[in-house]
């Protein structure tokens, strides 16, 4: 998986960025998304607040904003009947590699690591995997969805070695 990383804060070490990169590669392999592309941007609370308001209509900072890219919103064909072709739909899924973007608040990650009593590395990993699963269609609106997403999230973090301390 190709991951474009940007640190707008200047506070995320090269080692931390590499660890997040490796963790997301591991998560991608776990759910069969190795041939996809995404972006991760590390921001402060003010910037994540802006993104949260602009894209989600929520007027406060949060820990991670996940923006899922849905290629079906961008596909244009000259012939309408191509949209109903299942072979074409499968081909377009493989062709359209970009899956979305994460904005992770470094300040929120630091606050939450202290609040939850675990390492900053664990919290950053948690936020990256949580956001990654969101841009891959996982959610937690119902108890069943929550159990599936949170179970997978914990499985990935634990297997990777980012356990709660």
Protein backbone atom coordinates (compact mmCIF):
# COMPACT_ATOMS: atom_id res chain seq x y z
CA UNK A 1 0.00 0.00 0.00
CA UNK A 2 1.23 3.48 -0.80
CA UNK A 3 0.80 5.94 2.08
CA UNK A 4 1.54 9.62 1.70
CA UNK A 5 2.42 11.12 5.09
CA UNK A 6 2.49 14.80 5.95
CA UNK A 7 3.38 16.27 9.33
CA UNK A 8 1.92 19.78 9.56
CA UNK A 9 3.02 20.02 13.21
CA UNK A 10 6.71 19.21 12.85
CA UNK A 11 6.31 17.10 16.01
CA UNK A 12 6.10 13.57 14.62
CA UNK A 13 9.48 11.88 14.56
CA UNK A 14 10.70 9.95 11.55
CA UNK A 15 10.59 6.81 13.72
CA UNK A 16 6.94 7.42 14.65
CA UNK A 17 6.02 8.03 11.01
CA UNK A 18 7.78 4.81 10.02
CA UNK A 19 5.96 2.90 12.75
CA UNK A 20 2.58 4.25 11.59
CA UNK A 21 3.52 3.38 8.01
CA UNK A 22 4.44 -0.19 9.02
CA UNK A 23 1.31 -0.60 11.14
CA UNK A 24 -0.96 0.57 8.32
CA UNK A 25 0.82 -1.77 5.91
CA UNK A 26 0.17 -4.59 8.37
CA UNK A 27 -3.51 -3.60 8.70
CA UNK A 28 -3.86 -3.37 4.91
CA UNK A 29 -2.50 -6.87 4.49
CA UNK A 30 -4.82 -8.14 7.23
CA UNK A 31 -7.95 -6.90 5.39
CA UNK A 32 -6.70 -7.44 1.82
CA UNK A 33 -6.08 -3.83 0.82
CA UNK A 34 -2.36 -4.02 -0.04
CA UNK A 35 -2.82 -2.48 -3.50
CA UNK A 36 -4.49 0.70 -2.29
CA UNK A 37 -3.32 4.26 -1.62
CA UNK A 38 -4.11 6.69 1.18
CA UNK A 39 -2.88 9.82 2.91
CA UNK A 40 -2.17 10.53 6.58
CA UNK A 41 -1.76 14.09 7.81
CA UNK A 42 -0.62 14.84 11.36
CA UNK A 43 -2.19 18.08 12.60
CA UNK A 44 -2.84 20.13 15.72
CA UNK A 45 -6.21 20.62 17.42
CA UNK A 46 -6.98 23.83 15.53
CA UNK A 47 -6.52 22.16 12.14
CA UNK A 48 -8.44 18.99 13.03
CA UNK A 49 -11.22 21.27 14.33
CA UNK A 50 -11.37 22.98 10.90
CA UNK A 51 -11.45 19.63 9.07
CA UNK A 52 -14.06 18.23 11.45
CA UNK A 53 -16.30 21.27 10.91
CA UNK A 54 -15.83 21.38 7.14
CA UNK A 55 -16.37 17.69 6.39
CA UNK A 56 -18.49 16.45 9.29
CA UNK A 57 -20.29 19.59 10.44
CA UNK A 58 -18.98 19.09 14.00
CA UNK A 59 -17.65 22.29 15.59
CA UNK A 60 -14.93 20.90 17.84
CA UNK A 61 -11.55 19.21 17.62
CA UNK A 62 -11.44 15.43 17.59
CA UNK A 63 -8.70 12.81 17.62
CA UNK A 64 -8.94 11.52 14.04
CA UNK A 65 -11.01 12.48 11.01
CA UNK A 66 -11.38 9.79 8.35
CA UNK A 67 -12.36 10.88 4.86
CA UNK A 68 -13.33 7.87 2.80
CA UNK A 69 -12.95 8.28 -0.94
CA UNK A 70 -15.77 6.63 -2.84
CA UNK A 71 -14.79 6.13 -6.46
CA UNK A 72 -18.35 5.53 -7.59
CA UNK A 73 -18.92 9.25 -7.02
CA UNK A 74 -16.16 10.11 -9.49
CA UNK A 75 -16.71 7.62 -12.33
CA UNK A 76 -18.09 9.00 -15.57
CA UNK A 77 -18.86 6.91 -18.64
CA UNK A 78 -20.15 7.81 -22.06
CA UNK A 79 -22.57 4.89 -22.05
CA UNK A 80 -24.93 4.54 -19.11
CA UNK A 81 -25.22 0.76 -19.44
CA UNK A 82 -21.55 0.34 -18.46
CA UNK A 83 -22.52 1.27 -14.90
CA UNK A 84 -24.59 -1.91 -14.66
CA UNK A 85 -21.75 -4.17 -15.82
CA UNK A 86 -20.45 -6.21 -12.83
CA UNK A 87 -17.17 -7.00 -14.61
CA UNK A 88 -16.57 -3.28 -15.11
CA UNK A 89 -17.40 -2.57 -11.47
CA UNK A 90 -14.82 -5.16 -10.37
CA UNK A 91 -12.23 -3.75 -12.76
CA UNK A 92 -12.84 -0.20 -11.51
CA UNK A 93 -12.43 -1.32 -7.90
CA UNK A 94 -8.97 -2.64 -8.75
CA UNK A 95 -8.17 0.38 -10.91
CA UNK A 96 -9.19 3.02 -8.38
CA UNK A 97 -6.55 2.60 -5.72
CA UNK A 98 -7.10 5.74 -3.61
CA UNK A 99 -9.20 4.93 -0.53
CA UNK A 100 -9.05 8.08 1.57
CA UNK A 101 -7.31 10.31 4.01
CA UNK A 102 -6.75 10.55 7.75
CA UNK A 103 -6.16 13.68 9.82
CA UNK A 104 -4.69 12.72 13.20
CA UNK A 105 -4.46 15.33 15.96
CA UNK A 106 -1.14 15.03 17.75
CA UNK A 107 -2.45 17.09 20.67
CA UNK A 108 -5.49 14.82 21.13
CA UNK A 109 -3.26 11.74 20.88
CA UNK A 110 -1.02 13.11 23.65
CA UNK A 111 -4.03 13.99 25.84
CA UNK A 112 -5.71 10.62 25.34
CA UNK A 113 -2.53 8.63 25.94
CA UNK A 114 -2.22 10.35 29.32
CA UNK A 115 -5.95 9.94 30.07
CA UNK A 116 -5.96 6.23 29.20
CA UNK A 117 -2.61 5.51 30.85
CA UNK A 118 -0.84 4.06 27.84
CA UNK A 119 1.96 5.19 25.56
CA UNK A 120 1.77 7.90 22.94
CA UNK A 121 2.87 5.24 20.42
CA UNK A 122 -0.11 3.04 21.32
CA UNK A 123 -2.52 5.97 20.99
CA UNK A 124 -1.10 7.04 17.64
CA UNK A 125 -1.32 3.45 16.42
CA UNK A 126 -4.87 3.16 17.70
CA UNK A 127 -5.96 6.35 15.92
CA UNK A 128 -4.26 5.33 12.67
CA UNK A 129 -5.87 1.86 12.64
CA UNK A 130 -9.25 3.24 13.73
CA UNK A 131 -9.22 5.79 10.93
CA UNK A 132 -7.90 3.25 8.43
CA UNK A 133 -10.76 0.88 9.19
CA UNK A 134 -13.27 3.72 8.75
CA UNK A 135 -11.97 4.56 5.27
CA UNK A 136 -12.31 0.89 4.43
CA UNK A 137 -16.01 0.79 5.27
CA UNK A 138 -15.96 -0.29 8.92
CA UNK A 139 -18.14 1.61 11.38
CA UNK A 140 -19.51 1.46 14.90
CA UNK A 141 -23.06 2.79 14.68
CA UNK A 142 -24.67 -0.47 15.83
CA UNK A 143 -23.51 -2.91 18.52
CA UNK A 144 -22.75 -5.50 15.82
CA UNK A 145 -20.67 -3.05 13.76
CA UNK A 146 -18.88 -1.88 16.88
CA UNK A 147 -18.02 -5.42 17.94
CA UNK A 148 -16.65 -6.22 14.48
CA UNK A 149 -14.65 -3.01 14.06
CA UNK A 150 -13.28 -2.79 17.60
CA UNK A 151 -12.45 -6.50 17.61
CA UNK A 152 -10.50 -6.20 14.36
CA UNK A 153 -8.82 -3.02 15.56
CA UNK A 154 -7.64 -4.67 18.78
CA UNK A 155 -6.54 -7.79 16.91
CA UNK A 156 -4.39 -5.70 14.55
CA UNK A 157 -2.83 -3.61 17.32
CA UNK A 158 -2.11 -6.60 19.54
CA UNK A 159 -0.65 -8.73 16.74
CA UNK A 160 1.52 -5.78 15.70
CA UNK A 161 2.74 -5.40 19.31
CA UNK A 162 1.01 -2.18 20.35
CA UNK A 163 -0.75 -3.47 23.44
CA UNK A 164 -2.29 -1.50 26.25
CA UNK A 165 0.12 -1.06 29.10
